[in-house]
Amino acid sequence: MNQIEQKLATTPRNYRYLLTISLIIVGLIIWLLTSIQVNGLESNGWTIAKSILTGIFKPNLALLFALNQQGIAYLLLETIAIAFLGTLIGGMLAIPLAFLSASNIVTKPVAYLTRLLLIVIRTVPALVYGLMFIRVTGPGPFAGVLTIGLTSIGMLAKLYVDAIENLDISIFESMSSIGCNTFEKIRFGIVPQLFSIFLSIIIYRFDINLRDAAVLGLVAAGGIGAPLKFAMDSYRWNEVGSILIGLVILILLVEWFSTKLRRKLVTGR
């Protein structure tokens, strides 16, 4: 123990470096604080904030438990459908792009060009894609599905590539020695290694897409976001509270289920 304490005591401490880094961080914080403008915060803003909190604690229970197409349950179901179908489309399309991006599968020029394409896809925000698809397909859930699918491709393919590049390729040599063809190598060598990892990644992305699907409704791409925006624009805060409560409950349930399922896929327990 004394030797450890002696080594710690004799370890050189670069106080000048730590002081410089600390001053830079403090300077950045002060600069960022000066850029925050609170002049636009008026008494009306506090009134609206109070109304939002009141709506959350006193929601419209009739809307919350309604089972028609205007009810929260139906809107949440539509949001889940948009997120699920979009994730499914993105997950399927990301698989070939991931293999084309893996440097241990294809040549480096092909992998570089495919990764560049994925970077371009990930650069554009989901709301921008949503506005573009609305112009093409019109407002509605279909535009939301296409948006979720396209935005999922970039992230899913990136995570797929990490799994593909960590493949145990020694098994392929053993399969070649016993006369396995290419299809058998893929079926019995690649798929068993990647299936659970890919499925875990898709479930994780679905959890994210569920939140994105709710936001896409704000630009008329289906889901619960559009009624939320209309209720806020009309100052119907009790309806806003009902929608937010339903959305929070849905997110918590999906979070619990997806975490449990992903743990089972990865650890087998």
Protein backbone atom coordinates (compact mmCIF):
# COMPACT_ATOMS: atom_id res chain seq x y z
CA MET A 1 0.00 0.00 0.00
CA ASN A 2 2.87 2.34 0.81
CA GLN A 3 4.39 1.72 -2.62
CA ILE A 4 1.13 2.71 -4.30
CA GLU A 5 0.92 5.89 -2.23
CA GLN A 6 4.54 6.71 -3.07
CA LYS A 7 3.90 6.26 -6.78
CA LEU A 8 0.84 8.48 -6.58
CA ALA A 9 2.82 11.10 -4.68
CA THR A 10 5.66 11.05 -7.21
CA THR A 11 3.34 11.18 -10.24
CA PRO A 12 3.96 14.48 -12.06
CA ARG A 13 0.98 16.81 -12.04
CA ASN A 14 0.71 19.25 -14.88
CA TYR A 15 -1.12 22.03 -13.04
CA ARG A 16 -0.55 24.50 -15.87
CA TYR A 17 -2.33 22.20 -18.34
CA LEU A 18 -5.27 21.61 -15.97
CA LEU A 19 -5.56 25.33 -15.26
CA THR A 20 -5.59 26.16 -18.98
CA ILE A 21 -8.29 23.58 -19.72
CA SER A 22 -10.38 24.80 -16.77
CA LEU A 23 -10.14 28.43 -17.91
CA ILE A 24 -11.18 27.47 -21.44
CA ILE A 25 -14.20 25.56 -20.14
CA VAL A 26 -15.25 28.40 -17.83
CA GLY A 27 -14.82 30.88 -20.67
CA LEU A 28 -17.01 28.79 -22.99
CA ILE A 29 -19.73 28.50 -20.33
CA ILE A 30 -19.72 32.28 -19.75
CA TRP A 31 -19.83 32.94 -23.50
CA LEU A 32 -22.77 30.54 -23.95
CA LEU A 33 -24.66 32.12 -21.04
CA THR A 34 -24.29 35.56 -22.57
CA SER A 35 -25.94 34.33 -25.79
CA ILE A 36 -29.13 33.33 -23.95
CA GLN A 37 -31.80 36.00 -24.36
CA VAL A 38 -34.62 36.16 -21.82
CA ASN A 39 -36.12 39.43 -23.01
CA GLY A 40 -38.86 37.58 -24.88
CA LEU A 41 -40.07 35.88 -21.72
CA GLU A 42 -43.14 37.87 -20.80
CA SER A 43 -45.91 37.39 -18.28
CA ASN A 44 -48.01 35.75 -21.01
CA GLY A 45 -45.36 33.04 -21.32
CA TRP A 46 -45.61 32.20 -17.64
CA THR A 47 -49.39 32.03 -17.99
CA ILE A 48 -49.11 29.55 -20.86
CA ALA A 49 -46.59 27.45 -18.91
CA LYS A 50 -49.00 27.36 -15.97
CA SER A 51 -51.83 26.34 -18.30
CA ILE A 52 -49.77 23.47 -19.72
CA LEU A 53 -49.01 22.14 -16.24
CA THR A 54 -52.67 22.50 -15.27
CA GLY A 55 -53.69 20.55 -18.38
CA ILE A 56 -51.29 17.73 -17.49
CA PHE A 57 -52.65 17.39 -13.96
CA LYS A 58 -56.26 17.89 -15.08
CA PRO A 59 -56.46 16.06 -18.42
CA ASN A 60 -59.50 15.42 -20.56
CA LEU A 61 -60.31 11.91 -19.34
CA ALA A 62 -63.05 11.40 -21.94
CA LEU A 63 -60.50 11.92 -24.71
CA LEU A 64 -57.89 9.82 -22.91
CA PHE A 65 -60.14 6.75 -22.66
CA ALA A 66 -62.12 7.21 -25.89
CA LEU A 67 -61.98 4.28 -28.32
CA ASN A 68 -62.94 6.12 -31.52
CA GLN A 69 -60.58 7.48 -34.18
CA GLN A 70 -60.22 10.76 -32.29
CA GLY A 71 -59.29 9.00 -29.06
CA ILE A 72 -55.79 8.82 -27.62
CA ALA A 73 -55.66 5.01 -27.89
CA TYR A 74 -56.27 5.05 -31.66
CA LEU A 75 -53.73 7.85 -32.21
CA LEU A 76 -51.12 5.99 -30.19
CA LEU A 77 -51.81 2.81 -32.15
CA GLU A 78 -51.31 4.74 -35.39
CA THR A 79 -48.02 6.13 -34.04
CA ILE A 80 -46.83 2.63 -33.14
CA ALA A 81 -47.77 1.39 -36.62
CA ILE A 82 -45.81 4.20 -38.29
CA ALA A 83 -42.75 3.52 -36.14
CA PHE A 84 -42.96 -0.27 -36.60
CA LEU A 85 -43.40 -0.24 -40.38
CA GLY A 86 -40.75 2.44 -40.82
CA THR A 87 -38.29 0.50 -38.67
CA LEU A 88 -39.03 -2.70 -40.60
CA ILE A 89 -38.43 -1.01 -43.95
CA GLY A 90 -35.27 0.71 -42.76
CA GLY A 91 -33.94 -2.47 -41.14
CA MET A 92 -34.35 -4.49 -44.32
CA LEU A 93 -32.86 -1.87 -46.62
CA ALA A 94 -29.92 -1.28 -44.29
CA ILE A 95 -28.72 -4.90 -44.47
CA PRO A 96 -27.32 -4.86 -48.06
CA LEU A 97 -25.90 -1.37 -47.50
CA ALA A 98 -24.18 -2.59 -44.35
CA PHE A 99 -22.51 -5.48 -46.18
CA LEU A 100 -21.41 -3.08 -48.92
CA SER A 101 -19.91 -0.83 -46.21
CA ALA A 102 -17.97 -3.57 -44.43
CA SER A 103 -14.30 -3.43 -45.39
CA ASN A 104 -13.83 -7.12 -44.54
CA ILE A 105 -16.52 -8.12 -47.04
CA VAL A 106 -16.01 -5.81 -50.04
CA THR A 107 -13.13 -3.77 -51.41
CA LYS A 108 -12.22 -0.50 -49.70
CA PRO A 109 -13.41 1.81 -52.55
CA VAL A 110 -16.86 0.22 -52.51
CA ALA A 111 -16.99 0.39 -48.71
CA TYR A 112 -15.91 4.04 -48.75
CA LEU A 113 -18.53 5.09 -51.32
CA THR A 114 -21.32 3.24 -49.50
CA ARG A 115 -20.35 4.80 -46.17
CA LEU A 116 -20.35 8.20 -47.83
CA LEU A 117 -23.90 7.56 -49.02
CA LEU A 118 -24.95 6.59 -45.48
CA ILE A 119 -23.39 9.75 -44.08
CA VAL A 120 -25.42 11.82 -46.54
CA ILE A 121 -28.60 10.00 -45.51
CA ARG A 122 -27.89 10.60 -41.80
CA THR A 123 -27.12 14.28 -42.37
CA VAL A 124 -30.69 15.34 -43.27
CA PRO A 125 -33.00 15.69 -40.20
CA ALA A 126 -36.16 13.61 -39.97
CA LEU A 127 -38.43 16.68 -40.11
CA VAL A 128 -36.89 17.72 -43.43
CA TYR A 129 -37.50 14.25 -44.86
CA GLY A 130 -41.04 14.43 -43.53
CA LEU A 131 -41.73 17.73 -45.27
CA MET A 132 -40.28 16.35 -48.51
CA PHE A 133 -42.37 13.16 -48.44
CA ILE A 134 -45.52 15.12 -47.59
CA ARG A 135 -45.04 17.06 -50.83
CA VAL A 136 -44.74 13.76 -52.73
CA THR A 137 -47.35 11.52 -51.08
CA GLY A 138 -49.54 14.09 -49.35
CA PRO A 139 -50.08 14.40 -45.60
CA GLY A 140 -50.82 11.25 -43.67
CA PRO A 141 -49.26 8.16 -42.07
CA PHE A 142 -47.69 6.93 -45.33
CA ALA A 143 -45.37 9.94 -45.40
CA GLY A 144 -44.44 9.19 -41.81
CA VAL A 145 -43.61 5.56 -42.62
CA LEU A 146 -41.36 6.57 -45.51
CA THR A 147 -39.64 9.19 -43.36
CA ILE A 148 -38.99 6.78 -40.51
CA GLY A 149 -37.76 4.14 -42.94
CA LEU A 150 -35.28 6.46 -44.65
CA THR A 151 -33.93 8.00 -41.46
CA SER A 152 -33.48 4.54 -39.94
CA ILE A 153 -31.26 3.31 -42.77
CA GLY A 154 -28.27 5.46 -41.88
CA MET A 155 -28.04 4.56 -38.20
CA LEU A 156 -28.99 0.90 -38.61
CA ALA A 157 -26.46 0.33 -41.39
CA LYS A 158 -23.74 1.97 -39.29
CA LEU A 159 -24.46 -0.33 -36.34
CA TYR A 160 -24.76 -3.35 -38.65
CA VAL A 161 -21.31 -2.62 -40.07
CA ASP A 162 -19.75 -2.70 -36.60
CA ALA A 163 -21.24 -6.16 -36.05
CA ILE A 164 -20.20 -7.45 -39.49
CA GLU A 165 -16.60 -6.26 -39.09
CA ASN A 166 -16.40 -8.12 -35.76
CA LEU A 167 -17.41 -11.43 -37.33
CA ASP A 168 -15.41 -14.51 -36.43
CA ILE A 169 -14.07 -15.34 -39.90
CA SER A 170 -12.13 -18.39 -38.70
CA ILE A 171 -15.34 -20.38 -38.94
CA PHE A 172 -15.40 -19.81 -42.72
CA GLU A 173 -12.07 -21.59 -43.12
CA SER A 174 -13.44 -24.59 -41.24
CA MET A 175 -16.57 -24.62 -43.39
CA SER A 176 -14.48 -24.38 -46.57
CA SER A 177 -12.39 -27.34 -45.46
CA ILE A 178 -15.49 -29.54 -45.22
CA GLY A 179 -16.76 -28.46 -48.65
CA CYS A 180 -19.48 -25.91 -47.78
CA ASN A 181 -20.65 -23.66 -50.61
CA THR A 182 -21.24 -19.91 -50.36
CA PHE A 183 -24.90 -20.23 -49.44
CA GLU A 184 -24.09 -22.66 -46.64
CA LYS A 185 -21.40 -20.33 -45.34
CA ILE A 186 -23.90 -17.47 -45.21
CA ARG A 187 -26.68 -19.63 -43.75
CA PHE A 188 -24.65 -21.42 -41.07
CA GLY A 189 -21.66 -19.11 -40.64
CA ILE A 190 -22.90 -15.51 -40.90
CA VAL A 191 -26.60 -15.58 -40.04
CA PRO A 192 -26.24 -17.26 -36.60
CA GLN A 193 -23.61 -14.69 -35.58
CA LEU A 194 -25.54 -11.65 -36.78
CA PHE A 195 -29.23 -12.51 -36.29
CA SER A 196 -29.55 -11.72 -32.59
CA ILE A 197 -27.31 -8.64 -32.89
CA PHE A 198 -29.27 -7.24 -35.84
CA LEU A 199 -32.58 -7.89 -34.10
CA SER A 200 -31.35 -6.16 -30.95
CA ILE A 201 -30.27 -3.14 -33.01
CA ILE A 202 -33.66 -3.00 -34.77
CA ILE A 203 -35.51 -3.07 -31.44
CA TYR A 204 -33.31 -0.26 -30.16
CA ARG A 205 -34.03 1.78 -33.26
CA PHE A 206 -37.77 1.14 -32.95
CA ASP A 207 -37.61 2.67 -29.48
CA ILE A 208 -36.11 5.83 -31.02
CA ASN A 209 -38.47 5.82 -34.00
CA LEU A 210 -41.49 5.78 -31.73
CA ARG A 211 -40.49 9.20 -30.42
CA ASP A 212 -39.70 10.44 -33.92
CA ALA A 213 -43.10 9.26 -35.18
CA ALA A 214 -44.80 11.37 -32.50
CA VAL A 215 -42.79 14.42 -33.56
CA LEU A 216 -43.44 13.86 -37.29
CA GLY A 217 -47.15 14.36 -36.63
CA LEU A 218 -46.35 18.02 -36.09
CA VAL A 219 -45.69 18.31 -39.85
CA ALA A 220 -48.84 16.32 -40.75
CA ALA A 221 -47.03 13.01 -41.24
CA GLY A 222 -49.56 11.03 -39.22
CA GLY A 223 -49.54 9.87 -35.63
CA ILE A 224 -50.34 11.66 -32.42
CA GLY A 225 -48.23 14.75 -33.16
CA ALA A 226 -50.85 16.47 -35.36
CA PRO A 227 -53.66 16.39 -32.71
CA LEU A 228 -51.11 17.61 -30.18
CA LYS A 229 -50.23 20.58 -32.35
CA PHE A 230 -53.89 21.40 -33.05
CA ALA A 231 -54.71 21.24 -29.34
CA MET A 232 -51.81 23.54 -28.49
CA ASP A 233 -52.70 26.02 -31.23
CA SER A 234 -56.28 26.11 -29.91
CA TYR A 235 -55.12 26.49 -26.27
CA ARG A 236 -57.00 23.32 -25.26
CA TRP A 237 -54.54 22.44 -22.55
CA ASN A 238 -56.61 19.65 -21.02
CA GLU A 239 -56.43 17.83 -24.36
CA VAL A 240 -52.70 18.51 -24.49
CA GLY A 241 -52.39 16.95 -21.06
CA SER A 242 -54.32 13.87 -22.17
CA ILE A 243 -52.12 13.39 -25.22
CA LEU A 244 -48.90 13.85 -23.24
CA ILE A 245 -50.02 11.41 -20.55
CA GLY A 246 -50.89 8.78 -23.16
CA LEU A 247 -47.58 9.33 -24.94
CA VAL A 248 -45.58 9.02 -21.72
CA ILE A 249 -47.36 5.78 -20.79
CA LEU A 250 -46.72 4.36 -24.26
CA ILE A 251 -43.02 5.29 -24.19
CA LEU A 252 -42.57 3.73 -20.75
CA LEU A 253 -44.24 0.48 -21.82
CA VAL A 254 -42.24 0.22 -25.03
CA GLU A 255 -39.03 1.10 -23.17
CA TRP A 256 -39.62 -1.65 -20.62
CA PHE A 257 -40.55 -4.25 -23.22
CA SER A 258 -37.72 -3.42 -25.64
CA THR A 259 -35.09 -3.38 -22.88
CA LYS A 260 -36.24 -6.77 -21.63
CA LEU A 261 -36.30 -8.24 -25.14
CA ARG A 262 -32.89 -6.84 -26.08
CA ARG A 263 -31.35 -8.21 -22.89
CA LYS A 264 -32.76 -11.63 -23.66
CA LEU A 265 -31.40 -11.54 -27.21
CA VAL A 266 -27.91 -10.45 -26.16
CA THR A 267 -27.46 -12.44 -22.93
CA GLY A 268 -29.98 -15.22 -23.47
CA ARG A 269 -31.60 -14.50 -20.08
